[in-house]
């Protein structure tokens, strides 16, 4: 599974928040991929009809950047 950390992790968390899959304020600095983030990624994957394994892969990233 690809797990993002640091700035990538922060961008992932902020993208999930922007799309309404994760609650909370926007983050700055570094952030680690945690259970809350994994659950949000799985929600995204289910909503777009791809394998919901919590792994951050190309299709998930593409959807979050739209």
PDB file of N, CA and C in Angstrom:
ATOM      1  N   UNK A   1       0.845  -1.193   0.000  1.00  0.00           N
ATOM      2  CA  UNK A   1       0.000   0.000   0.000  1.00  0.00           C
ATOM      3  C   UNK A   1       0.877   1.239   0.000  1.00  0.00           C
ATOM      4  N   UNK A   2       0.494   2.183  -0.792  1.00  0.00           N
ATOM      5  CA  UNK A   2       1.220   3.439  -0.786  1.00  0.00           C
ATOM      6  C   UNK A   2       0.664   4.308   0.329  1.00  0.00           C
ATOM      7  N   UNK A   3       1.545   4.750   1.191  1.00  0.00           N
ATOM      8  CA  UNK A   3       1.165   5.624   2.304  1.00  0.00           C
ATOM      9  C   UNK A   3       1.950   6.913   2.174  1.00  0.00           C
ATOM     10  N   UNK A   4       1.250   8.012   2.173  1.00  0.00           N
ATOM     11  CA  UNK A   4       1.912   9.301   2.023  1.00  0.00           C
ATOM     12  C   UNK A   4       2.259   9.877   3.386  1.00  0.00           C
ATOM     13  N   UNK A   5       3.434  10.498   3.441  1.00  0.00           N
ATOM     14  CA  UNK A   5       3.869  11.158   4.667  1.00  0.00           C
ATOM     15  C   UNK A   5       4.380  12.548   4.321  1.00  0.00           C
ATOM     16  N   UNK A   6       4.609  13.352   5.322  1.00  0.00           N
ATOM     17  CA  UNK A   6       5.166  14.676   5.112  1.00  0.00           C
ATOM     18  C   UNK A   6       4.218  15.561   4.331  1.00  0.00           C
ATOM     19  N   UNK A   7       4.793  16.343   3.413  1.00  0.00           N
ATOM     20  CA  UNK A   7       3.983  17.282   2.638  1.00  0.00           C
ATOM     21  C   UNK A   7       2.928  16.563   1.800  1.00  0.00           C
ATOM     22  N   UNK A   8       3.265  15.406   1.225  1.00  0.00           N
ATOM     23  CA  UNK A   8       2.279  14.646   0.447  1.00  0.00           C
ATOM     24  C   UNK A   8       1.113  14.222   1.327  1.00  0.00           C
ATOM     25  N   UNK A   9       1.416  13.800   2.543  1.00  0.00           N
ATOM     26  CA  UNK A   9       0.368  13.408   3.480  1.00  0.00           C
ATOM     27  C   UNK A   9      -0.529  14.576   3.841  1.00  0.00           C
ATOM     28  N   UNK A  10       0.072  15.738   4.008  1.00  0.00           N
ATOM     29  CA  UNK A  10      -0.700  16.943   4.314  1.00  0.00           C
ATOM     30  C   UNK A  10      -1.605  17.294   3.139  1.00  0.00           C
ATOM     31  N   UNK A  11      -1.077  17.233   1.917  1.00  0.00           N
ATOM     32  CA  UNK A  11      -1.885  17.527   0.727  1.00  0.00           C
ATOM     33  C   UNK A  11      -3.037  16.536   0.595  1.00  0.00           C
ATOM     34  N   UNK A  12      -2.772  15.260   0.871  1.00  0.00           N
ATOM     35  CA  UNK A  12      -3.819  14.243   0.812  1.00  0.00           C
ATOM     36  C   UNK A  12      -4.920  14.568   1.803  1.00  0.00           C
ATOM     37  N   UNK A  13      -4.545  14.844   3.043  1.00  0.00           N
ATOM     38  CA  UNK A  13      -5.536  15.139   4.077  1.00  0.00           C
ATOM     39  C   UNK A  13      -6.352  16.376   3.714  1.00  0.00           C
ATOM     40  N   UNK A  14      -5.710  17.412   3.192  1.00  0.00           N
ATOM     41  CA  UNK A  14      -6.424  18.621   2.802  1.00  0.00           C
ATOM     42  C   UNK A  14      -7.364  18.357   1.628  1.00  0.00           C
ATOM     43  N   UNK A  15      -6.944  17.525   0.681  1.00  0.00           N
ATOM     44  CA  UNK A  15      -7.814  17.171  -0.450  1.00  0.00           C
ATOM     45  C   UNK A  15      -9.039  16.399   0.035  1.00  0.00           C
ATOM     46  N   UNK A  16      -8.836  15.482   0.958  1.00  0.00           N
ATOM     47  CA  UNK A  16      -9.951  14.712   1.523  1.00  0.00           C
ATOM     48  C   UNK A  16     -10.918  15.643   2.256  1.00  0.00           C
ATOM     49  N   UNK A  17     -10.391  16.629   2.957  1.00  0.00           N
ATOM     50  CA  UNK A  17     -11.236  17.606   3.661  1.00  0.00           C
ATOM     51  C   UNK A  17     -12.016  18.459   2.669  1.00  0.00           C
ATOM     52  N   UNK A  18     -11.325  18.913   1.615  1.00  0.00           N
ATOM     53  CA  UNK A  18     -11.977  19.749   0.592  1.00  0.00           C
ATOM     54  C   UNK A  18     -13.150  19.037  -0.057  1.00  0.00           C
ATOM     55  N   UNK A  19     -13.013  17.735  -0.281  1.00  0.00           N
ATOM     56  CA  UNK A  19     -14.055  16.952  -0.952  1.00  0.00           C
ATOM     57  C   UNK A  19     -15.133  16.467   0.023  1.00  0.00           C
ATOM     58  N   UNK A  20     -14.962  16.729   1.324  1.00  0.00           N
ATOM     59  CA  UNK A  20     -15.961  16.351   2.307  1.00  0.00           C
ATOM     60  C   UNK A  20     -15.842  14.930   2.837  1.00  0.00           C
ATOM     61  N   UNK A  21     -14.704  14.284   2.603  1.00  0.00           N
ATOM     62  CA  UNK A  21     -14.510  12.915   3.083  1.00  0.00           C
ATOM     63  C   UNK A  21     -13.844  12.867   4.454  1.00  0.00           C
ATOM     64  N   UNK A  22     -13.383  14.013   4.910  1.00  0.00           N
ATOM     65  CA  UNK A  22     -12.674  14.078   6.182  1.00  0.00           C
ATOM     66  C   UNK A  22     -13.029  15.412   6.824  1.00  0.00           C
ATOM     67  N   UNK A  23     -13.351  15.390   8.105  1.00  0.00           N
ATOM     68  CA  UNK A  23     -13.685  16.646   8.763  1.00  0.00           C
ATOM     69  C   UNK A  23     -12.436  17.241   9.400  1.00  0.00           C
ATOM     70  N   UNK A  24     -12.523  18.506   9.693  1.00  0.00           N
ATOM     71  CA  UNK A  24     -11.398  19.172  10.339  1.00  0.00           C
ATOM     72  C   UNK A  24     -10.866  20.317   9.513  1.00  0.00           C
ATOM     73  N   UNK A  25      -9.992  21.068  10.131  1.00  0.00           N
ATOM     74  CA  UNK A  25      -9.394  22.231   9.490  1.00  0.00           C
ATOM     75  C   UNK A  25      -8.302  21.787   8.523  1.00  0.00           C
ATOM     76  N   UNK A  26      -7.949  22.696   7.610  1.00  0.00           N
ATOM     77  CA  UNK A  26      -6.827  22.423   6.721  1.00  0.00           C
ATOM     78  C   UNK A  26      -5.549  22.350   7.550  1.00  0.00           C
ATOM     79  N   UNK A  27      -4.665  21.482   7.139  1.00  0.00           N
ATOM     80  CA  UNK A  27      -3.415  21.268   7.867  1.00  0.00           C
ATOM     81  C   UNK A  27      -2.258  21.953   7.163  1.00  0.00           C
ATOM     82  N   UNK A  28      -1.267  22.307   7.938  1.00  0.00           N
ATOM     83  CA  UNK A  28      -0.005  22.820   7.410  1.00  0.00           C
ATOM     84  C   UNK A  28       1.104  21.964   8.011  1.00  0.00           C
ATOM     85  N   UNK A  29       2.260  21.993   7.376  1.00  0.00           N
ATOM     86  CA  UNK A  29       3.383  21.228   7.893  1.00  0.00           C
ATOM     87  C   UNK A  29       3.341  19.796   7.417  1.00  0.00           C
ATOM     88  N   UNK A  30       3.821  18.900   8.249  1.00  0.00           N
ATOM     89  CA  UNK A  30       3.870  17.494   7.847  1.00  0.00           C
ATOM     90  C   UNK A  30       2.779  16.699   8.530  1.00  0.00           C
ATOM     91  N   UNK A  31       2.376  15.641   7.878  1.00  0.00           N
ATOM     92  CA  UNK A  31       1.283  14.837   8.404  1.00  0.00           C
ATOM     93  C   UNK A  31       1.500  13.376   8.038  1.00  0.00           C
ATOM     94  N   UNK A  32       1.244  12.491   8.957  1.00  0.00           N
ATOM     95  CA  UNK A  32       1.382  11.066   8.705  1.00  0.00           C
ATOM     96  C   UNK A  32       0.036  10.451   8.341  1.00  0.00           C
ATOM     97  N   UNK A  33       0.073   9.446   7.508  1.00  0.00           N
ATOM     98  CA  UNK A  33      -1.109   8.693   7.110  1.00  0.00           C
ATOM     99  C   UNK A  33      -1.567   7.874   8.315  1.00  0.00           C
ATOM    100  N   UNK A  34      -2.766   8.124   8.824  1.00  0.00           N
ATOM    101  CA  UNK A  34      -3.266   7.403   9.994  1.00  0.00           C
ATOM    102  C   UNK A  34      -4.559   6.662   9.658  1.00  0.00           C
ATOM    103  N   UNK A  35      -5.155   6.043  10.655  1.00  0.00           N
ATOM    104  CA  UNK A  35      -6.375   5.254  10.451  1.00  0.00           C
ATOM    105  C   UNK A  35      -7.528   6.115   9.935  1.00  0.00           C
ATOM    106  N   UNK A  36      -7.659   7.321  10.454  1.00  0.00           N
ATOM    107  CA  UNK A  36      -8.719   8.239  10.020  1.00  0.00           C
ATOM    108  C   UNK A  36      -8.574   8.559   8.524  1.00  0.00           C
ATOM    109  N   UNK A  37      -7.348   8.791   8.095  1.00  0.00           N
ATOM    110  CA  UNK A  37      -7.083   9.099   6.692  1.00  0.00           C
ATOM    111  C   UNK A  37      -7.363   7.885   5.823  1.00  0.00           C
ATOM    112  N   UNK A  38      -6.968   6.712   6.276  1.00  0.00           N
ATOM    113  CA  UNK A  38      -7.213   5.485   5.515  1.00  0.00           C
ATOM    114  C   UNK A  38      -8.714   5.262   5.317  1.00  0.00           C
ATOM    115  N   UNK A  39      -9.503   5.477   6.365  1.00  0.00           N
ATOM    116  CA  UNK A  39     -10.958   5.317   6.254  1.00  0.00           C
ATOM    117  C   UNK A  39     -11.534   6.300   5.235  1.00  0.00           C
ATOM    118  N   UNK A  40     -11.025   7.527   5.224  1.00  0.00           N
ATOM    119  CA  UNK A  40     -11.500   8.521   4.265  1.00  0.00           C
ATOM    120  C   UNK A  40     -11.134   8.114   2.842  1.00  0.00           C
ATOM    121  N   UNK A  41      -9.926   7.585   2.657  1.00  0.00           N
ATOM    122  CA  UNK A  41      -9.497   7.111   1.331  1.00  0.00           C
ATOM    123  C   UNK A  41     -10.409   5.979   0.860  1.00  0.00           C
ATOM    124  N   UNK A  42     -10.775   5.068   1.756  1.00  0.00           N
ATOM    125  CA  UNK A  42     -11.676   3.964   1.409  1.00  0.00           C
ATOM    126  C   UNK A  42     -13.043   4.511   0.985  1.00  0.00           C
ATOM    127  N   UNK A  43     -13.544   5.538   1.679  1.00  0.00           N
ATOM    128  CA  UNK A  43     -14.825   6.159   1.286  1.00  0.00           C
ATOM    129  C   UNK A  43     -14.738   6.723  -0.126  1.00  0.00           C
ATOM    130  N   UNK A  44     -13.634   7.393  -0.434  1.00  0.00           N
ATOM    131  CA  UNK A  44     -13.427   7.943  -1.782  1.00  0.00           C
ATOM    132  C   UNK A  44     -13.455   6.816  -2.801  1.00  0.00           C
ATOM    133  N   UNK A  45     -12.703   5.759  -2.527  1.00  0.00           N
ATOM    134  CA  UNK A  45     -12.590   4.646  -3.471  1.00  0.00           C
ATOM    135  C   UNK A  45     -13.941   3.982  -3.712  1.00  0.00           C
ATOM    136  N   UNK A  46     -14.725   3.811  -2.668  1.00  0.00           N
ATOM    137  CA  UNK A  46     -16.062   3.231  -2.830  1.00  0.00           C
ATOM    138  C   UNK A  46     -16.949   4.143  -3.664  1.00  0.00           C
ATOM    139  N   UNK A  47     -16.831   5.449  -3.447  1.00  0.00           N
ATOM    140  CA  UNK A  47     -17.695   6.396  -4.161  1.00  0.00           C
ATOM    141  C   UNK A  47     -17.391   6.456  -5.656  1.00  0.00           C
ATOM    142  N   UNK A  48     -16.143   6.154  -6.038  1.00  0.00           N
ATOM    143  CA  UNK A  48     -15.801   6.201  -7.463  1.00  0.00           C
ATOM    144  C   UNK A  48     -15.743   4.814  -8.094  1.00  0.00           C
ATOM    145  N   UNK A  49     -16.064   3.806  -7.293  1.00  0.00           N
ATOM    146  CA  UNK A  49     -16.213   2.451  -7.825  1.00  0.00           C
ATOM    147  C   UNK A  49     -14.921   1.719  -8.133  1.00  0.00           C
ATOM    148  N   UNK A  50     -13.877   1.996  -7.356  1.00  0.00           N
ATOM    149  CA  UNK A  50     -12.632   1.243  -7.532  1.00  0.00           C
ATOM    150  C   UNK A  50     -12.369   0.402  -6.291  1.00  0.00           C
ATOM    151  N   UNK A  51     -11.376  -0.470  -6.371  1.00  0.00           N
ATOM    152  CA  UNK A  51     -11.026  -1.346  -5.260  1.00  0.00           C
ATOM    153  C   UNK A  51     -10.749  -0.517  -4.005  1.00  0.00           C
ATOM    154  N   UNK A  52     -11.572  -0.683  -2.988  1.00  0.00           N
ATOM    155  CA  UNK A  52     -11.473   0.112  -1.763  1.00  0.00           C
ATOM    156  C   UNK A  52     -10.561  -0.570  -0.750  1.00  0.00           C
ATOM    157  N   UNK A  53      -9.255  -0.374  -0.942  1.00  0.00           N
ATOM    158  CA  UNK A  53      -8.288  -1.007  -0.053  1.00  0.00           C
ATOM    159  C   UNK A  53      -7.531  -0.009   0.821  1.00  0.00           C
ATOM    160  N   UNK A  54      -7.829   1.282   0.668  1.00  0.00           N
ATOM    161  CA  UNK A  54      -7.170   2.303   1.476  1.00  0.00           C
ATOM    162  C   UNK A  54      -5.807   2.708   0.959  1.00  0.00           C
ATOM    163  N   UNK A  55      -5.387   2.093  -0.127  1.00  0.00           N
ATOM    164  CA  UNK A  55      -4.099   2.414  -0.726  1.00  0.00           C
ATOM    165  C   UNK A  55      -4.264   3.634  -1.632  1.00  0.00           C
ATOM    166  N   UNK A  56      -3.346   4.572  -1.524  1.00  0.00           N
ATOM    167  CA  UNK A  56      -3.422   5.779  -2.346  1.00  0.00           C
ATOM    168  C   UNK A  56      -2.707   5.501  -3.665  1.00  0.00           C
ATOM    169  N   UNK A  57      -3.515   5.314  -4.709  1.00  0.00           N
ATOM    170  CA  UNK A  57      -2.954   5.013  -6.020  1.00  0.00           C
ATOM    171  C   UNK A  57      -3.442   6.023  -7.041  1.00  0.00           C
ATOM    172  N   UNK A  58      -3.072   5.837  -8.286  1.00  0.00           N
ATOM    173  CA  UNK A  58      -3.302   6.825  -9.342  1.00  0.00           C
ATOM    174  C   UNK A  58      -4.752   7.274  -9.460  1.00  0.00           C
ATOM    175  N   UNK A  59      -5.709   6.340  -9.496  1.00  0.00           N
ATOM    176  CA  UNK A  59      -7.111   6.731  -9.667  1.00  0.00           C
ATOM    177  C   UNK A  59      -7.614   7.578  -8.501  1.00  0.00           C
ATOM    178  N   UNK A  60      -7.214   7.227  -7.294  1.00  0.00           N
ATOM    179  CA  UNK A  60      -7.643   7.971  -6.111  1.00  0.00           C
ATOM    180  C   UNK A  60      -7.072   9.387  -6.164  1.00  0.00           C
ATOM    181  N   UNK A  61      -5.788   9.498  -6.449  1.00  0.00           N
ATOM    182  CA  UNK A  61      -5.142  10.814  -6.522  1.00  0.00           C
ATOM    183  C   UNK A  61      -5.785  11.657  -7.624  1.00  0.00           C
ATOM    184  N   UNK A  62      -6.050  11.059  -8.772  1.00  0.00           N
ATOM    185  CA  UNK A  62      -6.676  11.776  -9.887  1.00  0.00           C
ATOM    186  C   UNK A  62      -8.030  12.344  -9.466  1.00  0.00           C
ATOM    187  N   UNK A  63      -8.861  11.528  -8.811  1.00  0.00           N
ATOM    188  CA  UNK A  63     -10.170  11.985  -8.365  1.00  0.00           C
ATOM    189  C   UNK A  63     -10.046  13.139  -7.377  1.00  0.00           C
ATOM    190  N   UNK A  64      -9.121  13.043  -6.460  1.00  0.00           N
ATOM    191  CA  UNK A  64      -8.973  14.088  -5.438  1.00  0.00           C
ATOM    192  C   UNK A  64      -8.441  15.398  -6.014  1.00  0.00           C
ATOM    193  N   UNK A  65      -7.743  15.333  -7.132  1.00  0.00           N
ATOM    194  CA  UNK A  65      -7.188  16.546  -7.736  1.00  0.00           C
ATOM    195  C   UNK A  65      -8.171  17.232  -8.687  1.00  0.00           C
ATOM    196  N   UNK A  66      -9.278  16.565  -9.012  1.00  0.00           N
ATOM    197  CA  UNK A  66     -10.271  17.145  -9.934  1.00  0.00           C
ATOM    198  C   UNK A  66     -10.974  18.325  -9.304  1.00  0.00           C
TER     199      UNK A  66
END
